[in-house]
Amino acid sequence: MHKDLATKVVAEMLDIGARLNETLRSIKEACPDEEFRKYRFGFANAMAAVFLEVLEPIFKEHPSLEPPGLNRETWSGAPNDWSQRASDDEP
């Protein structure tokens, strides 16, 4: 992927991630814990797919686009592994 397009895709995907987190916080405030956990698991799967299928390949091709402080090794597991870890954490 050309770097200009990759830059745009990374920005859009990071924005999507931020919006998903914001939405999940709203769900947490409005829903019982058990219901929230179900949504959180779904959101974790969506965010893992965005990272593993879209962002990670871009970062491998264009390492300079990887945000400072992002540790890809903590994201390198299978989506189910990531989702399980996310289900144990707060959004």
N, C-alpha and C. Protein backbone atom coordinates (compact mmCIF):
# COMPACT_ATOMS: atom_id res chain seq x y z
N MET A 1 0.86 -1.18 0.00
CA MET A 1 0.00 0.00 0.00
C MET A 1 0.90 1.24 0.00
N HIS A 2 0.55 2.21 -0.81
CA HIS A 2 1.31 3.46 -0.86
C HIS A 2 1.23 4.14 0.51
N LYS A 3 2.31 4.77 0.92
CA LYS A 3 2.39 5.34 2.27
C LYS A 3 1.33 6.41 2.52
N ASP A 4 1.00 7.23 1.52
CA ASP A 4 -0.03 8.26 1.73
C ASP A 4 -1.37 7.63 2.08
N LEU A 5 -1.73 6.58 1.36
CA LEU A 5 -2.98 5.89 1.65
C LEU A 5 -2.90 5.18 3.00
N ALA A 6 -1.77 4.55 3.28
CA ALA A 6 -1.59 3.86 4.56
C ALA A 6 -1.75 4.84 5.72
N THR A 7 -1.21 6.04 5.58
CA THR A 7 -1.33 7.06 6.62
C THR A 7 -2.79 7.39 6.88
N LYS A 8 -3.56 7.53 5.82
CA LYS A 8 -4.99 7.84 5.95
C LYS A 8 -5.74 6.67 6.61
N VAL A 9 -5.44 5.46 6.17
CA VAL A 9 -6.11 4.28 6.74
C VAL A 9 -5.80 4.15 8.23
N VAL A 10 -4.55 4.33 8.61
CA VAL A 10 -4.17 4.24 10.03
C VAL A 10 -4.94 5.28 10.84
N ALA A 11 -4.99 6.50 10.38
CA ALA A 11 -5.71 7.55 11.11
C ALA A 11 -7.18 7.20 11.26
N GLU A 12 -7.79 6.69 10.20
CA GLU A 12 -9.21 6.34 10.26
C GLU A 12 -9.46 5.16 11.19
N MET A 13 -8.59 4.16 11.16
CA MET A 13 -8.75 3.00 12.02
C MET A 13 -8.55 3.36 13.49
N LEU A 14 -7.59 4.22 13.78
CA LEU A 14 -7.39 4.67 15.16
C LEU A 14 -8.59 5.48 15.64
N ASP A 15 -9.18 6.28 14.75
CA ASP A 15 -10.38 7.04 15.09
C ASP A 15 -11.55 6.09 15.37
N ILE A 16 -11.68 5.06 14.56
CA ILE A 16 -12.74 4.07 14.78
C ILE A 16 -12.55 3.42 16.15
N GLY A 17 -11.31 3.05 16.48
CA GLY A 17 -11.04 2.45 17.78
C GLY A 17 -11.43 3.37 18.93
N ALA A 18 -11.11 4.64 18.80
CA ALA A 18 -11.47 5.62 19.83
C ALA A 18 -12.99 5.74 19.96
N ARG A 19 -13.68 5.75 18.83
CA ARG A 19 -15.15 5.85 18.87
C ARG A 19 -15.77 4.59 19.47
N LEU A 20 -15.20 3.42 19.16
CA LEU A 20 -15.70 2.19 19.77
C LEU A 20 -15.52 2.23 21.28
N ASN A 21 -14.36 2.69 21.74
CA ASN A 21 -14.13 2.81 23.19
C ASN A 21 -15.12 3.76 23.84
N GLU A 22 -15.37 4.88 23.19
CA GLU A 22 -16.33 5.86 23.73
C GLU A 22 -17.72 5.25 23.82
N THR A 23 -18.12 4.53 22.78
CA THR A 23 -19.43 3.88 22.78
C THR A 23 -19.51 2.83 23.87
N LEU A 24 -18.45 2.07 24.04
CA LEU A 24 -18.44 1.04 25.08
C LEU A 24 -18.55 1.65 26.47
N ARG A 25 -17.93 2.79 26.68
CA ARG A 25 -18.07 3.48 27.98
C ARG A 25 -19.53 3.86 28.22
N SER A 26 -20.22 4.32 27.19
CA SER A 26 -21.63 4.67 27.32
C SER A 26 -22.46 3.45 27.67
N ILE A 27 -22.15 2.33 27.04
CA ILE A 27 -22.86 1.08 27.33
C ILE A 27 -22.62 0.68 28.78
N LYS A 28 -21.39 0.81 29.25
CA LYS A 28 -21.07 0.43 30.63
C LYS A 28 -21.88 1.25 31.62
N GLU A 29 -22.05 2.53 31.33
CA GLU A 29 -22.80 3.40 32.23
C GLU A 29 -24.29 3.07 32.25
N ALA A 30 -24.81 2.52 31.15
CA ALA A 30 -26.25 2.33 31.02
C ALA A 30 -26.73 0.90 31.23
N CYS A 31 -25.83 -0.08 31.21
CA CYS A 31 -26.26 -1.48 31.22
C CYS A 31 -25.75 -2.21 32.46
N PRO A 32 -26.47 -3.25 32.86
CA PRO A 32 -25.96 -4.10 33.94
C PRO A 32 -24.64 -4.76 33.53
N ASP A 33 -23.84 -5.15 34.53
CA ASP A 33 -22.51 -5.71 34.26
C ASP A 33 -22.54 -6.90 33.31
N GLU A 34 -23.46 -7.82 33.50
CA GLU A 34 -23.50 -9.02 32.65
C GLU A 34 -23.75 -8.65 31.19
N GLU A 35 -24.67 -7.73 30.96
CA GLU A 35 -24.95 -7.29 29.59
C GLU A 35 -23.74 -6.55 29.01
N PHE A 36 -23.13 -5.69 29.82
CA PHE A 36 -21.95 -4.96 29.38
C PHE A 36 -20.84 -5.90 28.96
N ARG A 37 -20.61 -6.96 29.73
CA ARG A 37 -19.54 -7.92 29.39
C ARG A 37 -19.76 -8.54 28.02
N LYS A 38 -20.99 -8.82 27.67
CA LYS A 38 -21.29 -9.39 26.35
C LYS A 38 -20.92 -8.39 25.25
N TYR A 39 -21.31 -7.15 25.44
CA TYR A 39 -20.96 -6.12 24.45
C TYR A 39 -19.45 -5.92 24.39
N ARG A 40 -18.81 -5.90 25.55
CA ARG A 40 -17.36 -5.70 25.59
C ARG A 40 -16.64 -6.79 24.82
N PHE A 41 -17.10 -8.02 24.92
CA PHE A 41 -16.48 -9.12 24.18
C PHE A 41 -16.62 -8.89 22.67
N GLY A 42 -17.79 -8.46 22.23
CA GLY A 42 -17.99 -8.17 20.81
C GLY A 42 -17.13 -7.01 20.33
N PHE A 43 -17.05 -5.98 21.14
CA PHE A 43 -16.20 -4.84 20.78
C PHE A 43 -14.74 -5.25 20.72
N ALA A 44 -14.32 -6.10 21.65
CA ALA A 44 -12.93 -6.58 21.65
C ALA A 44 -12.63 -7.35 20.38
N ASN A 45 -13.56 -8.18 19.95
CA ASN A 45 -13.36 -8.92 18.70
C ASN A 45 -13.24 -7.97 17.51
N ALA A 46 -14.09 -6.96 17.47
CA ALA A 46 -14.05 -5.99 16.37
C ALA A 46 -12.72 -5.23 16.36
N MET A 47 -12.30 -4.79 17.53
CA MET A 47 -11.06 -4.02 17.61
C MET A 47 -9.84 -4.90 17.29
N ALA A 48 -9.88 -6.14 17.72
CA ALA A 48 -8.78 -7.06 17.40
C ALA A 48 -8.71 -7.30 15.90
N ALA A 49 -9.85 -7.45 15.25
CA ALA A 49 -9.86 -7.65 13.80
C ALA A 49 -9.29 -6.44 13.08
N VAL A 50 -9.66 -5.25 13.51
CA VAL A 50 -9.12 -4.03 12.89
C VAL A 50 -7.61 -4.01 13.03
N PHE A 51 -7.12 -4.34 14.22
CA PHE A 51 -5.68 -4.31 14.40
C PHE A 51 -4.98 -5.41 13.61
N LEU A 52 -5.42 -6.64 13.81
CA LEU A 52 -4.71 -7.78 13.22
C LEU A 52 -4.83 -7.84 11.70
N GLU A 53 -5.97 -7.46 11.17
CA GLU A 53 -6.20 -7.59 9.73
C GLU A 53 -5.90 -6.33 8.93
N VAL A 54 -5.93 -5.18 9.58
CA VAL A 54 -5.72 -3.92 8.86
C VAL A 54 -4.45 -3.21 9.32
N LEU A 55 -4.37 -2.89 10.59
CA LEU A 55 -3.25 -2.08 11.07
C LEU A 55 -1.92 -2.83 11.11
N GLU A 56 -1.91 -4.03 11.63
CA GLU A 56 -0.64 -4.74 11.76
C GLU A 56 0.07 -4.91 10.42
N PRO A 57 -0.63 -5.30 9.34
CA PRO A 57 0.07 -5.39 8.05
C PRO A 57 0.62 -4.04 7.57
N ILE A 58 -0.11 -2.97 7.85
CA ILE A 58 0.37 -1.64 7.47
C ILE A 58 1.62 -1.29 8.27
N PHE A 59 1.62 -1.57 9.57
CA PHE A 59 2.78 -1.25 10.40
C PHE A 59 3.99 -2.07 10.00
N LYS A 60 3.77 -3.29 9.54
CA LYS A 60 4.90 -4.10 9.07
C LYS A 60 5.50 -3.50 7.80
N GLU A 61 4.64 -3.00 6.92
CA GLU A 61 5.11 -2.40 5.67
C GLU A 61 5.67 -1.00 5.89
N HIS A 62 5.07 -0.25 6.79
CA HIS A 62 5.46 1.14 7.06
C HIS A 62 5.65 1.34 8.57
N PRO A 63 6.75 0.85 9.14
CA PRO A 63 6.96 0.94 10.59
C PRO A 63 6.87 2.36 11.14
N SER A 64 7.18 3.34 10.33
CA SER A 64 7.14 4.73 10.81
C SER A 64 5.72 5.20 11.13
N LEU A 65 4.72 4.49 10.65
CA LEU A 65 3.32 4.87 10.91
C LEU A 65 2.80 4.33 12.23
N GLU A 66 3.55 3.44 12.84
CA GLU A 66 3.11 2.86 14.11
C GLU A 66 3.18 3.93 15.20
N PRO A 67 2.07 4.16 15.92
CA PRO A 67 2.07 5.19 16.96
C PRO A 67 3.11 4.91 18.04
N PRO A 68 3.75 5.95 18.55
CA PRO A 68 4.72 5.75 19.64
C PRO A 68 4.02 5.10 20.84
N GLY A 69 4.70 4.18 21.46
CA GLY A 69 4.14 3.53 22.64
C GLY A 69 3.29 2.31 22.35
N LEU A 70 2.97 2.06 21.10
CA LEU A 70 2.20 0.87 20.76
C LEU A 70 3.14 -0.32 20.76
N ASN A 71 2.82 -1.31 21.56
CA ASN A 71 3.64 -2.51 21.63
C ASN A 71 2.91 -3.62 20.90
N ARG A 72 3.32 -3.87 19.65
CA ARG A 72 2.64 -4.88 18.85
C ARG A 72 2.70 -6.26 19.47
N GLU A 73 3.71 -6.53 20.28
CA GLU A 73 3.81 -7.86 20.88
C GLU A 73 2.64 -8.15 21.79
N THR A 74 2.05 -7.14 22.40
CA THR A 74 0.89 -7.37 23.27
C THR A 74 -0.37 -7.58 22.45
N TRP A 75 -0.31 -7.33 21.16
CA TRP A 75 -1.47 -7.49 20.28
C TRP A 75 -1.31 -8.68 19.34
N SER A 76 -0.22 -9.41 19.46
CA SER A 76 0.09 -10.39 18.42
C SER A 76 -0.60 -11.73 18.59
N GLY A 77 -1.40 -11.90 19.65
CA GLY A 77 -2.11 -13.16 19.81
C GLY A 77 -3.30 -13.25 18.87
N ALA A 78 -3.92 -14.40 18.86
CA ALA A 78 -5.12 -14.59 18.05
C ALA A 78 -6.23 -13.70 18.59
N PRO A 79 -7.20 -13.32 17.75
CA PRO A 79 -8.28 -12.45 18.23
C PRO A 79 -8.97 -12.99 19.48
N ASN A 80 -9.17 -14.30 19.56
CA ASN A 80 -9.84 -14.83 20.75
C ASN A 80 -9.00 -14.61 21.99
N ASP A 81 -7.69 -14.76 21.88
CA ASP A 81 -6.80 -14.51 23.00
C ASP A 81 -6.89 -13.05 23.42
N TRP A 82 -6.84 -12.14 22.45
CA TRP A 82 -6.94 -10.72 22.74
C TRP A 82 -8.29 -10.40 23.37
N SER A 83 -9.34 -10.98 22.83
CA SER A 83 -10.68 -10.72 23.35
C SER A 83 -10.81 -11.17 24.79
N GLN A 84 -10.22 -12.30 25.11
CA GLN A 84 -10.28 -12.79 26.48
C GLN A 84 -9.58 -11.81 27.41
N ARG A 85 -8.40 -11.34 27.00
CA ARG A 85 -7.69 -10.37 27.83
C ARG A 85 -8.52 -9.11 27.97
N ALA A 86 -9.13 -8.66 26.89
CA ALA A 86 -9.93 -7.44 26.94
C ALA A 86 -11.15 -7.62 27.82
N SER A 87 -11.70 -8.82 27.87
CA SER A 87 -12.90 -9.03 28.68
C SER A 87 -12.59 -8.96 30.17
N ASP A 88 -11.30 -9.07 30.52
CA ASP A 88 -10.90 -8.98 31.92
C ASP A 88 -10.55 -7.56 32.34
N ASP A 89 -10.45 -6.64 31.39
CA ASP A 89 -10.02 -5.28 31.67
C ASP A 89 -11.18 -4.31 31.50
N GLU A 90 -10.98 -3.13 32.05
CA GLU A 90 -11.94 -2.05 31.84
C GLU A 90 -11.69 -1.44 30.48
N PRO A 91 -12.71 -0.86 29.84
CA PRO A 91 -12.50 -0.23 28.52
C PRO A 91 -11.66 1.02 28.64
